[in-house]
Amino acid sequence: VVLASKARRFRVAVAELDRVWSNFECDHVFRTDNWTMFKSS
C-alpha cells in the first residue's frame, strides 16, 4: 500500500519504506510498557 500511494515516484516510495523500517522499535507496533504487558498477561 505504501508503494501504491507513491506509485508515481518509485524511489521516493522505497526511501519512505526504508526510513520507517530502519528506525522501527517494538513500541511503534504494539504497547510494550511493563504495566500493559502485565495487564495483558
Full PDB file with SEQRES, HELIX, SHEET, SSBOND, CRYST1, ORIGX, SCALE, CONECT and MASTER records, all heavy atoms in Angstrom:
SEQRES   1 A   41  VAL VAL LEU ALA SER LYS ALA ARG ARG PHE ARG VAL ALA          
SEQRES   2 A   41  VAL ALA GLU LEU ASP ARG VAL TRP SER ASN PHE GLU CYS          
SEQRES   3 A   41  ASP HIS VAL PHE ARG THR ASP ASN TRP THR MET PHE LYS          
SEQRES   4 A   41  SER SER                                                      
HELIX    1 AA1 VAL A    2  SER A    5  1                                   4    
HELIX    2 AA2 PHE A   10  SER A   22  1                                  13    
HELIX    3 AA3 CYS A   26  HIS A   28  5                                   3    
HELIX    4 AA4 ASN A   34  SER A   40  1                                   7    
CRYST1    1.000    1.000    1.000  90.00  90.00  90.00 P 1           1          
ORIGX1      1.000000  0.000000  0.000000        0.00000                         
ORIGX2      0.000000  1.000000  0.000000        0.00000                         
ORIGX3      0.000000  0.000000  1.000000        0.00000                         
SCALE1      1.000000  0.000000  0.000000        0.00000                         
SCALE2      0.000000  1.000000  0.000000        0.00000                         
SCALE3      0.000000  0.000000  1.000000        0.00000                         
ATOM      1  N   VAL A   1       0.824  -1.205   0.000  1.00  0.00           N  
ATOM      2  CA  VAL A   1       0.000   0.000   0.000  1.00  0.00           C  
ATOM      3  C   VAL A   1       0.864   1.263   0.000  1.00  0.00           C  
ATOM      4  O   VAL A   1       0.522   2.257  -0.654  1.00  0.00           O  
ATOM      5  CB  VAL A   1      -0.973  -0.017   1.197  1.00  0.00           C  
ATOM      6  CG1 VAL A   1      -1.632   1.345   1.398  1.00  0.00           C  
ATOM      7  CG2 VAL A   1      -2.050  -1.073   0.966  1.00  0.00           C  
ATOM      8  N   VAL A   2       1.981   1.247   0.719  1.00  0.00           N  
ATOM      9  CA  VAL A   2       2.885   2.401   0.670  1.00  0.00           C  
ATOM     10  C   VAL A   2       3.402   2.596  -0.749  1.00  0.00           C  
ATOM     11  O   VAL A   2       3.452   3.728  -1.262  1.00  0.00           O  
ATOM     12  CB  VAL A   2       4.052   2.221   1.664  1.00  0.00           C  
ATOM     13  CG1 VAL A   2       5.105   3.306   1.453  1.00  0.00           C  
ATOM     14  CG2 VAL A   2       3.541   2.269   3.090  1.00  0.00           C  
ATOM     15  N   LEU A   3       3.788   1.518  -1.424  1.00  0.00           N  
ATOM     16  CA  LEU A   3       4.222   1.617  -2.818  1.00  0.00           C  
ATOM     17  C   LEU A   3       3.107   2.170  -3.698  1.00  0.00           C  
ATOM     18  O   LEU A   3       3.354   3.011  -4.576  1.00  0.00           O  
ATOM     19  CB  LEU A   3       4.655   0.248  -3.339  1.00  0.00           C  
ATOM     20  CG  LEU A   3       5.952  -0.352  -2.791  1.00  0.00           C  
ATOM     21  CD1 LEU A   3       6.169  -1.746  -3.367  1.00  0.00           C  
ATOM     22  CD2 LEU A   3       7.148   0.544  -3.115  1.00  0.00           C  
ATOM     23  N   ALA A   4       1.886   1.704  -3.471  1.00  0.00           N  
ATOM     24  CA  ALA A   4       0.755   2.161  -4.278  1.00  0.00           C  
ATOM     25  C   ALA A   4       0.476   3.637  -4.074  1.00  0.00           C  
ATOM     26  O   ALA A   4       0.152   4.364  -5.026  1.00  0.00           O  
ATOM     27  CB  ALA A   4      -0.486   1.336  -3.945  1.00  0.00           C  
ATOM     28  N   SER A   5       0.588   4.103  -2.837  1.00  0.00           N  
ATOM     29  CA  SER A   5       0.283   5.505  -2.536  1.00  0.00           C  
ATOM     30  C   SER A   5       1.326   6.464  -3.098  1.00  0.00           C  
ATOM     31  O   SER A   5       1.069   7.660  -3.227  1.00  0.00           O  
ATOM     32  CB  SER A   5       0.153   5.705  -1.020  1.00  0.00           C  
ATOM     33  OG  SER A   5       1.404   5.536  -0.378  1.00  0.00           O  
ATOM     34  N   LYS A   6       2.494   5.946  -3.439  1.00  0.00           N  
ATOM     35  CA  LYS A   6       3.560   6.766  -4.014  1.00  0.00           C  
ATOM     36  C   LYS A   6       4.033   6.173  -5.335  1.00  0.00           C  
ATOM     37  O   LYS A   6       5.219   6.245  -5.685  1.00  0.00           O  
ATOM     38  CB  LYS A   6       4.733   6.874  -3.031  1.00  0.00           C  
ATOM     39  CG  LYS A   6       4.385   7.536  -1.700  1.00  0.00           C  
ATOM     40  CD  LYS A   6       5.594   7.593  -0.776  1.00  0.00           C  
ATOM     41  CE  LYS A   6       5.246   8.182   0.574  1.00  0.00           C  
ATOM     42  NZ  LYS A   6       4.853   9.598   0.496  1.00  0.00           N  
ATOM     43  N   ALA A   7       3.097   5.594  -6.086  1.00  0.00           N  
ATOM     44  CA  ALA A   7       3.460   4.859  -7.298  1.00  0.00           C  
ATOM     45  C   ALA A   7       4.079   5.748  -8.371  1.00  0.00           C  
ATOM     46  O   ALA A   7       4.805   5.263  -9.243  1.00  0.00           O  
ATOM     47  CB  ALA A   7       2.231   4.141  -7.864  1.00  0.00           C  
ATOM     48  N   ARG A   8       3.795   7.032  -8.338  1.00  0.00           N  
ATOM     49  CA  ARG A   8       4.355   7.923  -9.349  1.00  0.00           C  
ATOM     50  C   ARG A   8       5.855   8.118  -9.177  1.00  0.00           C  
ATOM     51  O   ARG A   8       6.547   8.510 -10.122  1.00  0.00           O  
ATOM     52  CB  ARG A   8       3.654   9.282  -9.286  1.00  0.00           C  
ATOM     53  CG  ARG A   8       2.187   9.247  -9.711  1.00  0.00           C  
ATOM     54  CD  ARG A   8       1.559  10.620  -9.601  1.00  0.00           C  
ATOM     55  NE  ARG A   8       0.195  10.638 -10.111  1.00  0.00           N  
ATOM     56  CZ  ARG A   8      -0.587  11.716 -10.123  1.00  0.00           C  
ATOM     57  NH1 ARG A   8      -0.134  12.859  -9.631  1.00  0.00           N  
ATOM     58  NH2 ARG A   8      -1.821  11.648 -10.605  1.00  0.00           N  
ATOM     59  N   ARG A   9       6.350   7.875  -7.961  1.00  0.00           N  
ATOM     60  CA  ARG A   9       7.776   8.072  -7.673  1.00  0.00           C  
ATOM     61  C   ARG A   9       8.271   6.862  -6.889  1.00  0.00           C  
ATOM     62  O   ARG A   9       8.239   6.842  -5.661  1.00  0.00           O  
ATOM     63  CB  ARG A   9       7.986   9.372  -6.901  1.00  0.00           C  
ATOM     64  CG  ARG A   9       7.570  10.625  -7.676  1.00  0.00           C  
ATOM     65  CD  ARG A   9       7.881  11.896  -6.884  1.00  0.00           C  
ATOM     66  NE  ARG A   9       7.100  11.981  -5.656  1.00  0.00           N  
ATOM     67  CZ  ARG A   9       7.304  12.906  -4.721  1.00  0.00           C  
ATOM     68  NH1 ARG A   9       8.275  13.790  -4.859  1.00  0.00           N  
ATOM     69  NH2 ARG A   9       6.541  12.944  -3.639  1.00  0.00           N  
ATOM     70  N   PHE A  10       8.745   5.874  -7.620  1.00  0.00           N  
ATOM     71  CA  PHE A  10       9.119   4.597  -7.021  1.00  0.00           C  
ATOM     72  C   PHE A  10      10.250   4.756  -6.008  1.00  0.00           C  
ATOM     73  O   PHE A  10      10.197   4.203  -4.905  1.00  0.00           O  
ATOM     74  CB  PHE A  10       9.522   3.616  -8.129  1.00  0.00           C  
ATOM     75  CG  PHE A  10       9.895   2.243  -7.636  1.00  0.00           C  
ATOM     76  CD1 PHE A  10       8.975   1.464  -6.949  1.00  0.00           C  
ATOM     77  CD2 PHE A  10      11.161   1.726  -7.859  1.00  0.00           C  
ATOM     78  CE1 PHE A  10       9.303   0.195  -6.494  1.00  0.00           C  
ATOM     79  CE2 PHE A  10      11.500   0.454  -7.424  1.00  0.00           C  
ATOM     80  CZ  PHE A  10      10.577  -0.302  -6.730  1.00  0.00           C  
ATOM     81  N   ARG A  11      11.273   5.515  -6.357  1.00  0.00           N  
ATOM     82  CA  ARG A  11      12.404   5.685  -5.430  1.00  0.00           C  
ATOM     83  C   ARG A  11      11.966   6.369  -4.142  1.00  0.00           C  
ATOM     84  O   ARG A  11      12.441   6.035  -3.052  1.00  0.00           O  
ATOM     85  CB  ARG A  11      13.519   6.488  -6.092  1.00  0.00           C  
ATOM     86  CG  ARG A  11      14.349   5.699  -7.084  1.00  0.00           C  
ATOM     87  CD  ARG A  11      15.657   6.400  -7.390  1.00  0.00           C  
ATOM     88  NE  ARG A  11      16.479   5.629  -8.315  1.00  0.00           N  
ATOM     89  CZ  ARG A  11      17.740   5.922  -8.601  1.00  0.00           C  
ATOM     90  NH1 ARG A  11      18.310   6.970  -8.035  1.00  0.00           N  
ATOM     91  NH2 ARG A  11      18.421   5.183  -9.456  1.00  0.00           N  
ATOM     92  N   VAL A  12      11.062   7.327  -4.263  1.00  0.00           N  
ATOM     93  CA  VAL A  12      10.566   8.022  -3.074  1.00  0.00           C  
ATOM     94  C   VAL A  12       9.791   7.052  -2.185  1.00  0.00           C  
ATOM     95  O   VAL A  12       9.928   7.067  -0.952  1.00  0.00           O  
ATOM     96  CB  VAL A  12       9.677   9.219  -3.479  1.00  0.00           C  
ATOM     97  CG1 VAL A  12       9.000   9.832  -2.253  1.00  0.00           C  
ATOM     98  CG2 VAL A  12      10.507  10.270  -4.206  1.00  0.00           C  
ATOM     99  N   ALA A  13       8.974   6.203  -2.807  1.00  0.00           N  
ATOM    100  CA  ALA A  13       8.200   5.219  -2.042  1.00  0.00           C  
ATOM    101  C   ALA A  13       9.116   4.268  -1.290  1.00  0.00           C  
ATOM    102  O   ALA A  13       8.915   3.979  -0.100  1.00  0.00           O  
ATOM    103  CB  ALA A  13       7.282   4.446  -2.984  1.00  0.00           C  
ATOM    104  N   VAL A  14      10.139   3.760  -1.978  1.00  0.00           N  
ATOM    105  CA  VAL A  14      11.066   2.819  -1.343  1.00  0.00           C  
ATOM    106  C   VAL A  14      11.873   3.514  -0.249  1.00  0.00           C  
ATOM    107  O   VAL A  14      12.122   2.932   0.814  1.00  0.00           O  
ATOM    108  CB  VAL A  14      11.990   2.186  -2.398  1.00  0.00           C  
ATOM    109  CG1 VAL A  14      13.046   1.310  -1.725  1.00  0.00           C  
ATOM    110  CG2 VAL A  14      11.172   1.353  -3.388  1.00  0.00           C  
ATOM    111  N   ALA A  15      12.268   4.764  -0.490  1.00  0.00           N  
ATOM    112  CA  ALA A  15      13.005   5.514   0.532  1.00  0.00           C  
ATOM    113  C   ALA A  15      12.154   5.702   1.784  1.00  0.00           C  
ATOM    114  O   ALA A  15      12.672   5.649   2.914  1.00  0.00           O  
ATOM    115  CB  ALA A  15      13.436   6.868  -0.022  1.00  0.00           C  
ATOM    116  N   GLU A  16      10.844   5.910   1.603  1.00  0.00           N  
ATOM    117  CA  GLU A  16       9.948   6.044   2.750  1.00  0.00           C  
ATOM    118  C   GLU A  16       9.866   4.737   3.529  1.00  0.00           C  
ATOM    119  O   GLU A  16       9.921   4.732   4.764  1.00  0.00           O  
ATOM    120  CB  GLU A  16       8.560   6.469   2.276  1.00  0.00           C  
ATOM    121  CG  GLU A  16       7.504   6.568   3.358  1.00  0.00           C  
ATOM    122  CD  GLU A  16       7.748   7.720   4.337  1.00  0.00           C  
ATOM    123  OE1 GLU A  16       8.646   8.546   4.066  1.00  0.00           O  
ATOM    124  OE2 GLU A  16       7.055   7.774   5.364  1.00  0.00           O  
ATOM    125  N   LEU A  17       9.735   3.621   2.816  1.00  0.00           N  
ATOM    126  CA  LEU A  17       9.726   2.321   3.481  1.00  0.00           C  
ATOM    127  C   LEU A  17      11.039   2.072   4.214  1.00  0.00           C  
ATOM    128  O   LEU A  17      11.049   1.590   5.352  1.00  0.00           O  
ATOM    129  CB  LEU A  17       9.490   1.211   2.450  1.00  0.00           C  
ATOM    130  CG  LEU A  17       8.070   1.056   1.914  1.00  0.00           C  
ATOM    131  CD1 LEU A  17       8.038   0.064   0.751  1.00  0.00           C  
ATOM    132  CD2 LEU A  17       7.122   0.592   3.015  1.00  0.00           C  
ATOM    133  N   ASP A  18      12.135   2.408   3.567  1.00  0.00           N  
ATOM    134  CA  ASP A  18      13.457   2.220   4.177  1.00  0.00           C  
ATOM    135  C   ASP A  18      13.578   3.050   5.454  1.00  0.00           C  
ATOM    136  O   ASP A  18      14.088   2.569   6.482  1.00  0.00           O  
ATOM    137  CB  ASP A  18      14.528   2.620   3.162  1.00  0.00           C  
ATOM    138  CG  ASP A  18      15.937   2.303   3.647  1.00  0.00           C  
ATOM    139  OD1 ASP A  18      16.096   1.411   4.508  1.00  0.00           O  
ATOM    140  OD2 ASP A  18      16.886   2.956   3.169  1.00  0.00           O  
ATOM    141  N   ARG A  19      13.092   4.277   5.418  1.00  0.00           N  
ATOM    142  CA  ARG A  19      13.177   5.154   6.593  1.00  0.00           C  
ATOM    143  C   ARG A  19      12.400   4.572   7.768  1.00  0.00           C  
ATOM    144  O   ARG A  19      12.908   4.523   8.905  1.00  0.00           O  
ATOM    145  CB  ARG A  19      12.637   6.541   6.238  1.00  0.00           C  
ATOM    146  CG  ARG A  19      12.668   7.528   7.409  1.00  0.00           C  
ATOM    147  CD  ARG A  19      11.974   8.830   7.060  1.00  0.00           C  
ATOM    148  NE  ARG A  19      10.547   8.655   6.869  1.00  0.00           N  
ATOM    149  CZ  ARG A  19       9.654   8.589   7.866  1.00  0.00           C  
ATOM    150  NH1 ARG A  19      10.055   8.658   9.126  1.00  0.00           N  
ATOM    151  NH2 ARG A  19       8.361   8.445   7.597  1.00  0.00           N  
ATOM    152  N   VAL A  20      11.177   4.129   7.513  1.00  0.00           N  
ATOM    153  CA  VAL A  20      10.339   3.613   8.598  1.00  0.00           C  
ATOM    154  C   VAL A  20      10.893   2.299   9.146  1.00  0.00           C  
ATOM    155  O   VAL A  20      11.066   2.139  10.363  1.00  0.00           O  
ATOM    156  CB  VAL A  20       8.888   3.430   8.120  1.00  0.00           C  
ATOM    157  CG1 VAL A  20       8.055   2.733   9.187  1.00  0.00           C  
ATOM    158  CG2 VAL A  20       8.266   4.783   7.783  1.00  0.00           C  
ATOM    159  N   TRP A  21      11.202   1.352   8.249  1.00  0.00           N  
ATOM    160  CA  TRP A  21      11.670   0.051   8.706  1.00  0.00           C  
ATOM    161  C   TRP A  21      13.050   0.134   9.355  1.00  0.00           C  
ATOM    162  O   TRP A  21      13.364  -0.661  10.254  1.00  0.00           O  
ATOM    163  CB  TRP A  21      11.705  -0.936   7.539  1.00  0.00           C  
ATOM    164  CG  TRP A  21      10.372  -1.517   7.196  1.00  0.00           C  
ATOM    165  CD1 TRP A  21       9.468  -1.038   6.297  1.00  0.00           C  
ATOM    166  CD2 TRP A  21       9.781  -2.701   7.747  1.00  0.00           C  
ATOM    167  NE1 TRP A  21       8.357  -1.841   6.248  1.00  0.00           N  
ATOM    168  CE2 TRP A  21       8.521  -2.871   7.125  1.00  0.00           C  
ATOM    169  CE3 TRP A  21      10.193  -3.631   8.701  1.00  0.00           C  
ATOM    170  CZ2 TRP A  21       7.668  -3.940   7.434  1.00  0.00           C  
ATOM    171  CZ3 TRP A  21       9.351  -4.697   9.009  1.00  0.00           C  
ATOM    172  CH2 TRP A  21       8.104  -4.842   8.374  1.00  0.00           C  
ATOM    173  N   SER A  22      13.875   1.086   8.934  1.00  0.00           N  
ATOM    174  CA  SER A  22      15.220   1.213   9.500  1.00  0.00           C  
ATOM    175  C   SER A  22      15.210   1.823  10.896  1.00  0.00           C  
ATOM    176  O   SER A  22      16.237   1.806  11.582  1.00  0.00           O  
ATOM    177  CB  SER A  22      16.111   2.075   8.591  1.00  0.00           C  
ATOM    178  OG  SER A  22      16.362   1.425   7.369  1.00  0.00           O  
ATOM    179  N   ASN A  23      14.095   2.369  11.297  1.00  0.00           N  
ATOM    180  CA  ASN A  23      14.016   3.026  12.603  1.00  0.00           C  
ATOM    181  C   ASN A  23      12.942   2.422  13.497  1.00  0.00           C  
ATOM    182  O   ASN A  23      12.503   3.046  14.463  1.00  0.00           O  
ATOM    183  CB  ASN A  23      13.758   4.524  12.406  1.00  0.00           C  
ATOM    184  CG  ASN A  23      14.925   5.233  11.753  1.00  0.00           C  
ATOM    185  OD1 ASN A  23      15.939   5.496  12.387  1.00  0.00           O  
ATOM    186  ND2 ASN A  23      14.806   5.516  10.460  1.00  0.00           N  
ATOM    187  N   PHE A  24      12.528   1.204  13.178  1.00  0.00           N  
ATOM    188  CA  PHE A  24      11.487   0.549  13.961  1.00  0.00           C  
ATOM    189  C   PHE A  24      11.946   0.271  15.388  1.00  0.00           C  
ATOM    190  O   PHE A  24      13.105  -0.048  15.648  1.00  0.00           O  
ATOM    191  CB  PHE A  24      11.081  -0.775  13.316  1.00  0.00           C  
ATOM    192  CG  PHE A  24       9.745  -0.733  12.643  1.00  0.00           C  
ATOM    193  CD1 PHE A  24       9.567  -1.310  11.398  1.00  0.00           C  
ATOM    194  CD2 PHE A  24       8.645  -0.130  13.246  1.00  0.00           C  
ATOM    195  CE1 PHE A  24       8.336  -1.285  10.757  1.00  0.00           C  
ATOM    196  CE2 PHE A  24       7.410  -0.105  12.619  1.00  0.00           C  
ATOM    197  CZ  PHE A  24       7.256  -0.677  11.376  1.00  0.00           C  
ATOM    198  N   GLU A  25      11.005   0.387  16.287  1.00  0.00           N  
ATOM    199  CA  GLU A  25      11.123  -0.117  17.649  1.00  0.00           C  
ATOM    200  C   GLU A  25       9.817  -0.828  17.962  1.00  0.00           C  
ATOM    201  O   GLU A  25       8.771  -0.503  17.401  1.00  0.00           O  
ATOM    202  CB  GLU A  25      11.372   1.024  18.641  1.00  0.00           C  
ATOM    203  CG  GLU A  25      12.698   1.727  18.425  1.00  0.00           C  
ATOM    204  CD  GLU A  25      12.901   2.890  19.383  1.00  0.00           C  
ATOM    205  OE1 GLU A  25      12.037   3.091  20.267  1.00  0.00           O  
ATOM    206  OE2 GLU A  25      13.913   3.589  19.243  1.00  0.00           O  
ATOM    207  N   CYS A  26       9.881  -1.805  18.849  1.00  0.00           N  
ATOM    208  CA  CYS A  26       8.685  -2.592  19.138  1.00  0.00           C  
ATOM    209  C   CYS A  26       7.507  -1.725  19.567  1.00  0.00           C  
ATOM    210  O   CYS A  26       6.355  -2.018  19.221  1.00  0.00           O  
ATOM    211  CB  CYS A  26       8.987  -3.643  20.211  1.00  0.00           C  
ATOM    212  SG  CYS A  26       9.882  -5.089  19.589  1.00  0.00           S  
ATOM    213  N   ASP A  27       7.796  -0.647  20.301  1.00  0.00           N  
ATOM    214  CA  ASP A  27       6.678   0.173  20.769  1.00  0.00           C  
ATOM    215  C   ASP A  27       6.080   1.046  19.678  1.00  0.00           C  
ATOM    216  O   ASP A  27       5.122   1.768  19.916  1.00  0.00           O  
ATOM    217  CB  ASP A  27       7.069   1.015  21.986  1.00  0.00           C  
ATOM    218  CG  ASP A  27       8.246   1.938  21.727  1.00  0.00           C  
ATOM    219  OD1 ASP A  27       8.649   2.094  20.554  1.00  0.00           O  
ATOM    220  OD2 ASP A  27       8.765   2.516  22.698  1.00  0.00           O  
ATOM    221  N   HIS A  28       6.624   0.982  18.454  1.00  0.00           N  
ATOM    222  CA  HIS A  28       5.967   1.580  17.296  1.00  0.00           C  
ATOM    223  C   HIS A  28       4.866   0.672  16.765  1.00  0.00           C  
ATOM    224  O   HIS A  28       4.015   1.104  15.983  1.00  0.00           O  
ATOM    225  CB  HIS A  28       6.965   1.824  16.161  1.00  0.00           C  
ATOM    226  CG  HIS A  28       8.022   2.828  16.496  1.00  0.00           C  
ATOM    227  ND1 HIS A  28       9.179   2.974  15.741  1.00  0.00           N  
ATOM    228  CD2 HIS A  28       8.114   3.739  17.501  1.00  0.00           C  
ATOM    229  CE1 HIS A  28       9.925   3.929  16.271  1.00  0.00           C  
ATOM    230  NE2 HIS A  28       9.296   4.401  17.342  1.00  0.00           N  
ATOM    231  N   VAL A  29       4.912  -0.604  17.154  1.00  0.00           N  
ATOM    232  CA  VAL A  29       3.991  -1.609  16.620  1.00  0.00           C  
ATOM    233  C   VAL A  29       2.969  -2.043  17.665  1.00  0.00           C  
ATOM    234  O   VAL A  29       1.772  -2.167  17.368  1.00  0.00           O  
ATOM    235  CB  VAL A  29       4.770  -2.844  16.109  1.00  0.00           C  
ATOM    236  CG1 VAL A  29       3.828  -3.891  15.529  1.00  0.00           C  
ATOM    237  CG2 VAL A  29       5.801  -2.412  15.066  1.00  0.00           C  
ATOM    238  N   PHE A  30       3.414  -2.284  18.887  1.00  0.00           N  
ATOM    239  CA  PHE A  30       2.486  -2.676  19.960  1.00  0.00           C  
ATOM    240  C   PHE A  30       2.998  -2.120  21.286  1.00  0.00           C  
ATOM    241  O   PHE A  30       4.179  -1.793  21.426  1.00  0.00           O  
ATOM    242  CB  PHE A  30       2.325  -4.201  20.028  1.00  0.00           C  
ATOM    243  CG  PHE A  30       3.610  -4.973  19.955  1.00  0.00           C  
ATOM    244  CD1 PHE A  30       4.396  -5.188  21.077  1.00  0.00           C  
ATOM    245  CD2 PHE A  30       4.042  -5.500  18.742  1.00  0.00           C  
ATOM    246  CE1 PHE A  30       5.578  -5.898  21.004  1.00  0.00           C  
ATOM    247  CE2 PHE A  30       5.240  -6.215  18.658  1.00  0.00           C  
ATOM    248  CZ  PHE A  30       6.005  -6.409  19.792  1.00  0.00           C  
ATOM    249  N   ARG A  31       2.082  -1.997  22.237  1.00  0.00           N  
ATOM    250  CA  ARG A  31       2.456  -1.439  23.536  1.00  0.00           C  
ATOM    251  C   ARG A  31       3.359  -2.428  24.272  1.00  0.00           C  
ATOM    252  O   ARG A  31       3.035  -3.606  24.401  1.00  0.00           O  
ATOM    253  CB  ARG A  31       1.207  -1.157  24.370  1.00  0.00           C  
ATOM    254  CG  ARG A  31       0.271  -0.139  23.725  1.00  0.00           C  
ATOM    255  CD  ARG A  31      -0.826   0.276  24.690  1.00  0.00           C  
ATOM    256  NE  ARG A  31      -1.842   1.073  24.037  1.00  0.00           N  
ATOM    257  CZ  ARG A  31      -1.742   2.371  23.773  1.00  0.00           C  
ATOM    258  NH1 ARG A  31      -0.637   3.014  24.113  1.00  0.00           N  
ATOM    259  NH2 ARG A  31      -2.723   3.025  23.174  1.00  0.00           N  
ATOM    260  N   THR A  32       4.492  -1.909  24.765  1.00  0.00           N  
ATOM    261  CA  THR A  32       5.478  -2.791  25.391  1.00  0.00           C  
ATOM    262  C   THR A  32       5.816  -2.373  26.818  1.00  0.00           C  
ATOM    263  O   THR A  32       6.707  -2.975  27.433  1.00  0.00           O  
ATOM    264  CB  THR A  32       6.789  -2.790  24.574  1.00  0.00           C  
ATOM    265  OG1 THR A  32       7.314  -1.448  24.527  1.00  0.00           O  
ATOM    266  CG2 THR A  32       6.563  -3.291  23.164  1.00  0.00           C  
ATOM    267  N   ASP A  33       5.127  -1.365  27.360  1.00  0.00           N  
ATOM    268  CA  ASP A  33       5.437  -0.951  28.719  1.00  0.00           C  
ATOM    269  C   ASP A  33       5.078  -2.063  29.705  1.00  0.00           C  
ATOM    270  O   ASP A  33       4.193  -2.896  29.447  1.00  0.00           O  
ATOM    271  CB  ASP A  33       4.688   0.336  29.072  1.00  0.00           C  
ATOM    272  CG  ASP A  33       3.180   0.183  28.972  1.00  0.00           C  
ATOM    273  OD1 ASP A  33       2.661   0.267  27.841  1.00  0.00           O  
ATOM    274  OD2 ASP A  33       2.541  -0.047  30.012  1.00  0.00           O  
ATOM    275  N   ASN A  34       5.748  -2.096  30.822  1.00  0.00           N  
ATOM    276  CA  ASN A  34       5.593  -3.173  31.791  1.00  0.00           C  
ATOM    277  C   ASN A  34       4.155  -3.313  32.280  1.00  0.00           C  
ATOM    278  O   ASN A  34       3.642  -4.431  32.440  1.00  0.00           O  
ATOM    279  CB  ASN A  34       6.524  -2.950  32.984  1.00  0.00           C  
ATOM    280  CG  ASN A  34       7.989  -3.072  32.609  1.00  0.00           C  
ATOM    281  OD1 ASN A  34       8.322  -3.619  31.559  1.00  0.00           O  
ATOM    282  ND2 ASN A  34       8.863  -2.561  33.461  1.00  0.00           N  
ATOM    283  N   TRP A  35       3.483  -2.190  32.521  1.00  0.00           N  
ATOM    284  CA  TRP A  35       2.125  -2.244  33.048  1.00  0.00           C  
ATOM    285  C   TRP A  35       1.158  -2.860  32.039  1.00  0.00           C  
ATOM    286  O   TRP A  35       0.340  -3.714  32.386  1.00  0.00           O  
ATOM    287  CB  TRP A  35       1.661  -0.855  33.459  1.00  0.00           C  
ATOM    288  CG  TRP A  35       0.238  -0.783  33.939  1.00  0.00           C  
ATOM    289  CD1 TRP A  35      -0.774  -0.020  33.431  1.00  0.00           C  
ATOM    290  CD2 TRP A  35      -0.343  -1.524  35.033  1.00  0.00           C  
ATOM    291  NE1 TRP A  35      -1.941  -0.229  34.121  1.00  0.00           N  
ATOM    292  CE2 TRP A  35      -1.710  -1.149  35.112  1.00  0.00           C  
ATOM    293  CE3 TRP A  35       0.155  -2.459  35.933  1.00  0.00           C  
ATOM    294  CZ2 TRP A  35      -2.570  -1.682  36.070  1.00  0.00           C  
ATOM    295  CZ3 TRP A  35      -0.707  -2.982  36.883  1.00  0.00           C  
ATOM    296  CH2 TRP A  35      -2.052  -2.600  36.943  1.00  0.00           C  
ATOM    297  N   THR A  36       1.268  -2.445  30.776  1.00  0.00           N  
ATOM    298  CA  THR A  36       0.391  -3.006  29.749  1.00  0.00           C  
ATOM    299  C   THR A  36       0.634  -4.500  29.573  1.00  0.00           C  
ATOM    300  O   THR A  36      -0.312  -5.286  29.470  1.00  0.00           O  
ATOM    301  CB  THR A  36       0.605  -2.280  28.405  1.00  0.00           C  
ATOM    302  OG1 THR A  36       0.241  -0.904  28.545  1.00  0.00           O  
ATOM    303  CG2 THR A  36      -0.247  -2.907  27.301  1.00  0.00           C  
ATOM    304  N   MET A  37       1.903  -4.907  29.530  1.00  0.00           N  
ATOM    305  CA  MET A  37       2.215  -6.322  29.367  1.00  0.00           C  
ATOM    306  C   MET A  37       1.721  -7.122  30.566  1.00  0.00           C  
ATOM    307  O   MET A  37       1.215  -8.246  30.417  1.00  0.00           O  
ATOM    308  CB  MET A  37       3.724  -6.511  29.185  1.00  0.00           C  
ATOM    309  CG  MET A  37       4.301  -5.842  27.943  1.00  0.00           C  
ATOM    310  SD  MET A  37       3.677  -6.541  26.394  1.00  0.00           S  
ATOM    311  CE  MET A  37       4.522  -8.100  26.378  1.00  0.00           C  
ATOM    312  N   PHE A  38       1.852  -6.560  31.774  1.00  0.00           N  
ATOM    313  CA  PHE A  38       1.377  -7.251  32.972  1.00  0.00           C  
ATOM    314  C   PHE A  38      -0.144  -7.398  32.942  1.00  0.00           C  
ATOM    315  O   PHE A  38      -0.678  -8.478  33.236  1.00  0.00           O  
ATOM    316  CB  PHE A  38       1.806  -6.476  34.221  1.00  0.00           C  
ATOM    317  CG  PHE A  38       1.254  -7.044  35.503  1.00  0.00           C  
ATOM    318  CD1 PHE A  38       1.780  -8.195  36.055  1.00  0.00           C  
ATOM    319  CD2 PHE A  38       0.186  -6.416  36.152  1.00  0.00           C  
ATOM    320  CE1 PHE A  38       1.266  -8.719  37.226  1.00  0.00           C  
ATOM    321  CE2 PHE A  38      -0.332  -6.933  37.330  1.00  0.00           C  
ATOM    322  CZ  PHE A  38       0.204  -8.085  37.872  1.00  0.00           C  
ATOM    323  N   LYS A  39      -0.856  -6.329  32.578  1.00  0.00           N  
ATOM    324  CA  LYS A  39      -2.319  -6.398  32.498  1.00  0.00           C  
ATOM    325  C   LYS A  39      -2.771  -7.438  31.485  1.00  0.00           C  
ATOM    326  O   LYS A  39      -3.713  -8.197  31.742  1.00  0.00           O  
ATOM    327  CB  LYS A  39      -2.889  -5.025  32.117  1.00  0.00           C  
ATOM    328  CG  LYS A  39      -2.902  -4.012  33.226  1.00  0.00           C  
ATOM    329  CD  LYS A  39      -3.795  -2.826  32.891  1.00  0.00           C  
ATOM    330  CE  LYS A  39      -3.385  -2.153  31.610  1.00  0.00           C  
ATOM    331  NZ  LYS A  39      -4.265  -1.009  31.289  1.00  0.00           N  
ATOM    332  N   SER A  40      -2.103  -7.460  30.331  1.00  0.00           N  
ATOM    333  CA  SER A  40      -2.478  -8.424  29.298  1.00  0.00           C  
ATOM    334  C   SER A  40      -2.266  -9.855  29.788  1.00  0.00           C  
ATOM    335  O   SER A  40      -3.135 -10.728  29.613  1.00  0.00           O  
ATOM    336  CB  SER A  40      -1.658  -8.174  28.031  1.00  0.00           C  
ATOM    337  OG  SER A  40      -1.935  -9.139  27.048  1.00  0.00           O  
ATOM    338  N   SER A  41      -1.121 -10.102  30.426  1.00  0.00           N  
ATOM    339  CA  SER A  41      -0.828 -11.449  30.927  1.00  0.00           C  
ATOM    340  C   SER A  41      -1.843 -11.881  31.980  1.00  0.00           C  
ATOM    341  O   SER A  41      -2.342 -13.018  31.964  1.00  0.00           O  
ATOM    342  CB  SER A  41       0.584 -11.492  31.500  1.00  0.00           C  
ATOM    343  OG  SER A  41       1.544 -11.163  30.533  1.00  0.00           O  
TER     344      SER A  41                                                      
MASTER        0    0    0    4    0    0    0    6  343    1    0    4          
END                                                                             
